[in-house]
């Protein structure tokens, strides 16, 4: 079965960072890639403001490459991969749309934003508590 373009791209980025791949790609770190991530996000913004679909498509691809590079670095470290990133985003969207998936009644876009921000704040608190708990467990070892 032929791979889908996204899977082919993921494999290509992994290959570029492999010993057989590109010296520049292999050398990159999260920090060294920050300037490119910012640059590509700004290019997406410009393309969106121009409203030219072919530019938008191209610039979104460049931004996607940055996301894939960061994900590949973490794959190499054994922490997570692009599938984990996608799964986390999927779950976050489900949690942050209780008006769509959990029966909460919200009538306005502003109401949606208010609920989104409340959920986001609660998630931040829970994440900090989780980090503290993990640090505490590590300290006891």
N, C-alpha and C. Protein backbone atom coordinates (compact mmCIF):
# COMPACT_ATOMS: atom_id res chain seq x y z
N UNK A 1 0.84 -1.19 0.00
CA UNK A 1 0.00 0.00 0.00
C UNK A 1 0.89 1.25 0.00
N UNK A 2 0.56 2.20 -0.85
CA UNK A 2 1.32 3.43 -0.96
C UNK A 2 1.09 4.30 0.27
N UNK A 3 2.18 4.90 0.75
CA UNK A 3 2.07 5.79 1.91
C UNK A 3 1.38 7.10 1.52
N UNK A 4 0.76 7.70 2.49
CA UNK A 4 0.13 9.00 2.28
C UNK A 4 1.22 10.08 2.30
N UNK A 5 0.97 11.21 1.64
CA UNK A 5 1.99 12.27 1.57
C UNK A 5 2.52 12.71 2.94
N UNK A 6 1.64 12.78 3.93
CA UNK A 6 2.10 13.19 5.26
C UNK A 6 3.11 12.18 5.82
N UNK A 7 2.81 10.90 5.70
CA UNK A 7 3.72 9.86 6.20
C UNK A 7 5.03 9.87 5.42
N UNK A 8 4.95 10.12 4.11
CA UNK A 8 6.17 10.23 3.32
C UNK A 8 7.03 11.40 3.80
N UNK A 9 6.39 12.51 4.12
CA UNK A 9 7.12 13.68 4.62
C UNK A 9 7.77 13.40 5.97
N UNK A 10 7.04 12.76 6.87
CA UNK A 10 7.59 12.39 8.17
C UNK A 10 8.83 11.51 7.98
N UNK A 11 8.74 10.53 7.10
CA UNK A 11 9.87 9.65 6.82
C UNK A 11 11.04 10.41 6.20
N UNK A 12 10.74 11.36 5.33
CA UNK A 12 11.80 12.14 4.69
C UNK A 12 12.55 12.99 5.71
N UNK A 13 11.82 13.62 6.62
CA UNK A 13 12.47 14.42 7.67
C UNK A 13 13.35 13.53 8.54
N UNK A 14 12.87 12.35 8.88
CA UNK A 14 13.68 11.41 9.67
C UNK A 14 14.94 11.03 8.90
N UNK A 15 14.81 10.79 7.61
CA UNK A 15 15.96 10.43 6.78
C UNK A 15 16.96 11.58 6.72
N UNK A 16 16.46 12.80 6.54
CA UNK A 16 17.35 13.96 6.46
C UNK A 16 18.17 14.13 7.74
N UNK A 17 17.61 13.74 8.88
CA UNK A 17 18.32 13.86 10.16
C UNK A 17 19.15 12.61 10.48
N UNK A 18 19.07 11.60 9.64
CA UNK A 18 19.80 10.35 9.87
C UNK A 18 21.26 10.50 9.43
N UNK A 19 22.11 9.55 9.82
CA UNK A 19 23.51 9.58 9.38
C UNK A 19 23.68 9.62 7.86
N UNK A 20 22.72 9.06 7.11
CA UNK A 20 22.79 9.07 5.65
C UNK A 20 22.24 10.37 5.05
N UNK A 21 21.64 11.20 5.90
CA UNK A 21 20.94 12.39 5.42
C UNK A 21 21.81 13.61 5.26
N UNK A 22 21.31 14.73 5.68
CA UNK A 22 21.91 16.05 5.45
C UNK A 22 22.65 16.54 6.70
N UNK A 23 23.91 16.95 6.54
CA UNK A 23 24.67 17.46 7.69
C UNK A 23 23.99 18.65 8.37
N UNK A 24 23.39 19.56 7.57
CA UNK A 24 22.73 20.72 8.17
C UNK A 24 21.54 20.28 9.02
N UNK A 25 20.71 19.40 8.48
CA UNK A 25 19.53 18.93 9.21
C UNK A 25 19.93 18.20 10.49
N UNK A 26 20.96 17.37 10.40
CA UNK A 26 21.43 16.62 11.58
C UNK A 26 21.91 17.54 12.69
N UNK A 27 22.49 18.66 12.30
CA UNK A 27 23.09 19.59 13.26
C UNK A 27 22.04 20.40 14.04
N UNK A 28 20.85 20.48 13.51
CA UNK A 28 19.84 21.37 14.11
C UNK A 28 19.36 20.88 15.47
N UNK A 29 19.06 21.86 16.33
CA UNK A 29 18.50 21.61 17.66
C UNK A 29 17.22 22.44 17.78
N UNK A 30 16.50 22.23 18.86
CA UNK A 30 15.31 23.05 19.08
C UNK A 30 15.69 24.53 19.05
N UNK A 31 16.76 24.88 19.74
CA UNK A 31 17.15 26.29 19.83
C UNK A 31 17.59 26.84 18.48
N UNK A 32 18.37 26.07 17.74
CA UNK A 32 18.84 26.58 16.44
C UNK A 32 17.69 26.74 15.44
N UNK A 33 16.61 26.03 15.64
CA UNK A 33 15.47 26.10 14.72
C UNK A 33 14.46 27.20 15.07
N UNK A 34 14.60 27.83 16.24
CA UNK A 34 13.62 28.83 16.66
C UNK A 34 13.46 29.94 15.63
N UNK A 35 14.57 30.44 15.11
CA UNK A 35 14.47 31.55 14.15
C UNK A 35 13.69 31.14 12.90
N UNK A 36 13.84 29.90 12.48
CA UNK A 36 13.12 29.43 11.29
C UNK A 36 11.63 29.24 11.59
N UNK A 37 11.34 28.78 12.79
CA UNK A 37 9.94 28.62 13.19
C UNK A 37 9.23 29.98 13.17
N UNK A 38 9.87 30.97 13.75
CA UNK A 38 9.29 32.33 13.76
C UNK A 38 9.14 32.87 12.34
N UNK A 39 10.20 32.71 11.56
CA UNK A 39 10.22 33.20 10.18
C UNK A 39 9.08 32.59 9.38
N UNK A 40 8.92 31.28 9.50
CA UNK A 40 7.87 30.60 8.72
C UNK A 40 6.48 31.00 9.20
N UNK A 41 6.31 31.18 10.50
CA UNK A 41 5.00 31.63 11.01
C UNK A 41 4.66 33.01 10.45
N UNK A 42 5.64 33.89 10.37
CA UNK A 42 5.41 35.23 9.80
C UNK A 42 5.09 35.14 8.30
N UNK A 43 5.74 34.22 7.60
CA UNK A 43 5.45 34.04 6.18
C UNK A 43 4.01 33.53 5.98
N UNK A 44 3.55 32.66 6.87
CA UNK A 44 2.16 32.20 6.81
C UNK A 44 1.23 33.39 7.00
N UNK A 45 1.54 34.22 7.99
CA UNK A 45 0.71 35.40 8.25
C UNK A 45 0.62 36.30 7.01
N UNK A 46 1.75 36.56 6.38
CA UNK A 46 1.75 37.41 5.18
C UNK A 46 0.92 36.78 4.06
N UNK A 47 1.09 35.49 3.86
CA UNK A 47 0.33 34.80 2.81
C UNK A 47 -1.17 34.86 3.09
N UNK A 48 -1.54 34.68 4.34
CA UNK A 48 -2.97 34.74 4.70
C UNK A 48 -3.53 36.13 4.44
N UNK A 49 -2.77 37.15 4.78
CA UNK A 49 -3.24 38.52 4.56
C UNK A 49 -3.37 38.83 3.07
N UNK A 50 -2.50 38.24 2.26
CA UNK A 50 -2.58 38.44 0.80
C UNK A 50 -3.75 37.66 0.20
N UNK A 51 -4.12 36.56 0.89
CA UNK A 51 -5.24 35.76 0.43
C UNK A 51 -4.98 34.94 -0.82
N UNK A 52 -3.72 34.66 -1.07
CA UNK A 52 -3.37 33.86 -2.26
C UNK A 52 -3.18 32.41 -1.84
N UNK A 53 -4.11 31.55 -2.29
CA UNK A 53 -4.13 30.16 -1.80
C UNK A 53 -2.83 29.44 -2.09
N UNK A 54 -2.19 29.66 -3.23
CA UNK A 54 -0.95 28.94 -3.54
C UNK A 54 0.19 29.33 -2.60
N UNK A 55 0.23 30.61 -2.20
CA UNK A 55 1.23 31.06 -1.22
C UNK A 55 0.92 30.48 0.16
N UNK A 56 -0.36 30.47 0.52
CA UNK A 56 -0.77 29.92 1.81
C UNK A 56 -0.37 28.45 1.91
N UNK A 57 -0.66 27.70 0.87
CA UNK A 57 -0.30 26.28 0.84
C UNK A 57 1.21 26.09 1.01
N UNK A 58 1.99 26.84 0.27
CA UNK A 58 3.44 26.72 0.33
C UNK A 58 3.98 27.09 1.72
N UNK A 59 3.50 28.19 2.26
CA UNK A 59 4.00 28.65 3.56
C UNK A 59 3.55 27.73 4.70
N UNK A 60 2.34 27.20 4.60
CA UNK A 60 1.91 26.21 5.60
C UNK A 60 2.81 24.99 5.56
N UNK A 61 3.23 24.58 4.37
CA UNK A 61 4.16 23.46 4.23
C UNK A 61 5.49 23.75 4.91
N UNK A 62 5.99 24.98 4.75
CA UNK A 62 7.25 25.36 5.40
C UNK A 62 7.11 25.34 6.92
N UNK A 63 5.96 25.82 7.41
CA UNK A 63 5.72 25.79 8.86
C UNK A 63 5.59 24.35 9.35
N UNK A 64 4.91 23.51 8.58
CA UNK A 64 4.79 22.10 8.93
C UNK A 64 6.16 21.44 9.02
N UNK A 65 7.07 21.79 8.12
CA UNK A 65 8.42 21.24 8.18
C UNK A 65 9.06 21.56 9.53
N UNK A 66 8.88 22.77 10.02
CA UNK A 66 9.45 23.13 11.32
C UNK A 66 8.87 22.26 12.44
N UNK A 67 7.58 22.04 12.40
CA UNK A 67 6.93 21.19 13.40
C UNK A 67 7.47 19.77 13.32
N UNK A 68 7.65 19.28 12.10
CA UNK A 68 8.17 17.93 11.92
C UNK A 68 9.62 17.82 12.39
N UNK A 69 10.42 18.84 12.14
CA UNK A 69 11.81 18.81 12.62
C UNK A 69 11.87 18.75 14.14
N UNK A 70 11.08 19.58 14.80
CA UNK A 70 11.06 19.56 16.28
C UNK A 70 10.57 18.21 16.79
N UNK A 71 9.54 17.68 16.15
CA UNK A 71 9.03 16.37 16.56
C UNK A 71 10.05 15.27 16.33
N UNK A 72 10.77 15.34 15.23
CA UNK A 72 11.79 14.33 14.92
C UNK A 72 12.92 14.37 15.95
N UNK A 73 13.31 15.55 16.36
CA UNK A 73 14.35 15.66 17.40
C UNK A 73 13.91 14.91 18.65
N UNK A 74 12.66 15.07 19.03
CA UNK A 74 12.14 14.38 20.21
C UNK A 74 11.96 12.89 19.97
N UNK A 75 11.63 12.50 18.75
CA UNK A 75 11.57 11.08 18.40
C UNK A 75 12.94 10.44 18.62
N UNK A 76 13.97 11.13 18.17
CA UNK A 76 15.34 10.62 18.33
C UNK A 76 15.72 10.50 19.81
N UNK A 77 15.17 11.35 20.63
CA UNK A 77 15.45 11.31 22.08
C UNK A 77 14.54 10.32 22.80
N UNK A 78 13.57 9.76 22.08
CA UNK A 78 12.68 8.78 22.67
C UNK A 78 11.59 9.37 23.55
N UNK A 79 11.30 10.65 23.40
CA UNK A 79 10.31 11.31 24.25
C UNK A 79 8.91 11.29 23.65
N UNK A 80 8.80 11.67 22.38
CA UNK A 80 7.51 11.63 21.69
C UNK A 80 7.76 11.73 20.20
N UNK A 81 6.71 11.47 19.41
CA UNK A 81 6.82 11.62 17.96
C UNK A 81 5.63 12.43 17.45
N UNK A 82 5.57 12.63 16.16
CA UNK A 82 4.52 13.46 15.57
C UNK A 82 3.13 12.87 15.84
N UNK A 83 3.02 11.55 15.94
CA UNK A 83 1.73 10.93 16.27
C UNK A 83 1.29 11.32 17.68
N UNK A 84 2.25 11.41 18.60
CA UNK A 84 1.93 11.85 19.96
C UNK A 84 1.47 13.30 19.96
N UNK A 85 2.13 14.13 19.14
CA UNK A 85 1.74 15.54 19.02
C UNK A 85 0.30 15.63 18.50
N UNK A 86 0.01 14.86 17.46
CA UNK A 86 -1.34 14.86 16.89
C UNK A 86 -2.38 14.36 17.90
N UNK A 87 -2.05 13.30 18.62
CA UNK A 87 -2.98 12.74 19.63
C UNK A 87 -3.24 13.76 20.74
N UNK A 88 -2.19 14.41 21.21
CA UNK A 88 -2.35 15.42 22.27
C UNK A 88 -3.23 16.58 21.79
N UNK A 89 -3.03 17.01 20.54
CA UNK A 89 -3.84 18.10 20.00
C UNK A 89 -5.29 17.66 19.83
N UNK A 90 -5.50 16.45 19.37
CA UNK A 90 -6.85 15.90 19.23
C UNK A 90 -7.58 15.92 20.58
N UNK A 91 -6.91 15.42 21.60
CA UNK A 91 -7.53 15.36 22.94
C UNK A 91 -7.79 16.77 23.49
N UNK A 92 -6.85 17.68 23.24
CA UNK A 92 -7.02 19.06 23.70
C UNK A 92 -8.24 19.70 23.04
N UNK A 93 -8.38 19.51 21.73
CA UNK A 93 -9.52 20.08 21.03
C UNK A 93 -10.84 19.50 21.55
N UNK A 94 -10.86 18.21 21.82
CA UNK A 94 -12.07 17.59 22.38
C UNK A 94 -12.40 18.20 23.75
N UNK A 95 -11.38 18.36 24.61
CA UNK A 95 -11.60 18.93 25.95
C UNK A 95 -12.07 20.38 25.87
N UNK A 96 -11.50 21.12 24.94
CA UNK A 96 -11.78 22.56 24.88
C UNK A 96 -13.02 22.90 24.05
N UNK A 97 -13.73 21.91 23.60
CA UNK A 97 -14.98 22.13 22.89
C UNK A 97 -16.13 21.37 23.57
N UNK A 98 -16.36 21.64 24.86
CA UNK A 98 -17.44 20.93 25.55
C UNK A 98 -18.82 21.27 24.99
N UNK A 99 -18.92 22.40 24.32
CA UNK A 99 -20.19 22.79 23.68
C UNK A 99 -20.47 21.95 22.43
N UNK A 100 -19.45 21.27 21.92
CA UNK A 100 -19.62 20.39 20.76
C UNK A 100 -19.67 18.93 21.18
N UNK A 101 -18.81 18.56 22.16
CA UNK A 101 -18.64 17.14 22.50
C UNK A 101 -19.20 16.73 23.86
N UNK A 102 -19.59 17.68 24.70
CA UNK A 102 -20.05 17.29 26.04
C UNK A 102 -21.39 17.91 26.42
N UNK A 103 -22.09 18.46 25.44
CA UNK A 103 -23.44 18.93 25.71
C UNK A 103 -23.56 20.28 26.40
N UNK A 104 -22.46 20.98 26.61
CA UNK A 104 -22.53 22.31 27.20
C UNK A 104 -23.17 23.27 26.21
N UNK A 105 -24.10 24.09 26.69
CA UNK A 105 -24.81 25.01 25.81
C UNK A 105 -24.09 26.36 25.81
N UNK A 106 -23.53 26.74 24.67
CA UNK A 106 -22.91 28.05 24.50
C UNK A 106 -23.47 28.63 23.20
N UNK A 107 -23.93 29.87 23.27
CA UNK A 107 -24.62 30.46 22.13
C UNK A 107 -23.76 31.41 21.30
N UNK A 108 -22.67 31.94 21.88
CA UNK A 108 -21.91 32.97 21.16
C UNK A 108 -20.44 32.59 21.04
N UNK A 109 -19.79 33.22 20.07
CA UNK A 109 -18.34 33.01 19.90
C UNK A 109 -17.60 33.48 21.14
N UNK A 110 -18.02 34.59 21.75
CA UNK A 110 -17.37 35.08 22.96
C UNK A 110 -17.54 34.09 24.11
N UNK A 111 -18.70 33.47 24.20
CA UNK A 111 -18.92 32.44 25.21
C UNK A 111 -17.96 31.27 25.03
N UNK A 112 -17.74 30.90 23.77
CA UNK A 112 -16.79 29.82 23.47
C UNK A 112 -15.40 30.23 23.94
N UNK A 113 -14.98 31.46 23.63
CA UNK A 113 -13.66 31.93 24.06
C UNK A 113 -13.53 31.94 25.58
N UNK A 114 -14.56 32.38 26.27
CA UNK A 114 -14.53 32.41 27.74
C UNK A 114 -14.34 31.01 28.32
N UNK A 115 -15.08 30.05 27.80
CA UNK A 115 -14.96 28.67 28.28
C UNK A 115 -13.58 28.12 27.94
N UNK A 116 -13.11 28.39 26.72
CA UNK A 116 -11.78 27.95 26.27
C UNK A 116 -10.71 28.43 27.25
N UNK A 117 -10.76 29.71 27.61
CA UNK A 117 -9.76 30.28 28.53
C UNK A 117 -9.86 29.66 29.92
N UNK A 118 -11.09 29.41 30.40
CA UNK A 118 -11.27 28.76 31.71
C UNK A 118 -10.65 27.37 31.70
N UNK A 119 -10.92 26.61 30.65
CA UNK A 119 -10.37 25.25 30.53
C UNK A 119 -8.85 25.32 30.46
N UNK A 120 -8.32 26.25 29.68
CA UNK A 120 -6.88 26.42 29.52
C UNK A 120 -6.21 26.73 30.88
N UNK A 121 -6.81 27.62 31.65
CA UNK A 121 -6.26 27.94 32.98
C UNK A 121 -6.26 26.70 33.89
N UNK A 122 -7.35 25.95 33.86
CA UNK A 122 -7.45 24.74 34.68
C UNK A 122 -6.40 23.72 34.25
N UNK A 123 -6.19 23.56 32.96
CA UNK A 123 -5.17 22.64 32.45
C UNK A 123 -3.77 23.05 32.91
N UNK A 124 -3.51 24.36 32.90
CA UNK A 124 -2.20 24.85 33.36
C UNK A 124 -1.96 24.50 34.82
N UNK A 125 -2.98 24.69 35.65
CA UNK A 125 -2.88 24.36 37.08
C UNK A 125 -2.62 22.87 37.25
N UNK A 126 -3.37 22.04 36.54
CA UNK A 126 -3.20 20.59 36.63
C UNK A 126 -1.81 20.16 36.13
N UNK A 127 -1.34 20.79 35.05
CA UNK A 127 -0.02 20.46 34.51
C UNK A 127 1.08 20.80 35.51
N UNK A 128 0.97 21.97 36.15
CA UNK A 128 1.97 22.35 37.17
C UNK A 128 1.96 21.37 38.34
N UNK A 129 0.77 20.96 38.77
CA UNK A 129 0.67 19.99 39.86
C UNK A 129 1.29 18.66 39.45
N UNK A 130 1.08 18.25 38.21
CA UNK A 130 1.66 17.01 37.71
C UNK A 130 3.18 17.09 37.68
N UNK A 131 3.71 18.21 37.21
CA UNK A 131 5.17 18.39 37.17
C UNK A 131 5.75 18.34 38.58
N UNK A 132 5.10 19.01 39.52
CA UNK A 132 5.58 18.99 40.92
C UNK A 132 5.55 17.58 41.48
N UNK A 133 4.50 16.82 41.17
CA UNK A 133 4.40 15.44 41.67
C UNK A 133 5.52 14.58 41.09
N UNK A 134 5.78 14.74 39.78
CA UNK A 134 6.86 13.98 39.16
C UNK A 134 8.22 14.35 39.74
N UNK A 135 8.45 15.61 39.98
CA UNK A 135 9.71 16.06 40.57
C UNK A 135 9.87 15.51 41.99
N UNK A 136 8.78 15.48 42.72
CA UNK A 136 8.80 14.94 44.07
C UNK A 136 9.14 13.45 44.07
N UNK A 137 8.54 12.70 43.14
CA UNK A 137 8.83 11.27 43.02
C UNK A 137 10.29 11.05 42.66
N UNK A 138 10.82 11.85 41.74
CA UNK A 138 12.23 11.72 41.36
C UNK A 138 13.15 12.02 42.53
N UNK A 139 12.81 13.01 43.31
CA UNK A 139 13.65 13.40 44.45
C UNK A 139 13.70 12.29 45.51
N UNK A 140 12.62 11.51 45.63
CA UNK A 140 12.57 10.41 46.62
C UNK A 140 13.37 9.20 46.19
N UNK A 141 13.72 9.11 44.92
CA UNK A 141 14.44 7.92 44.41
C UNK A 141 15.86 7.92 44.84
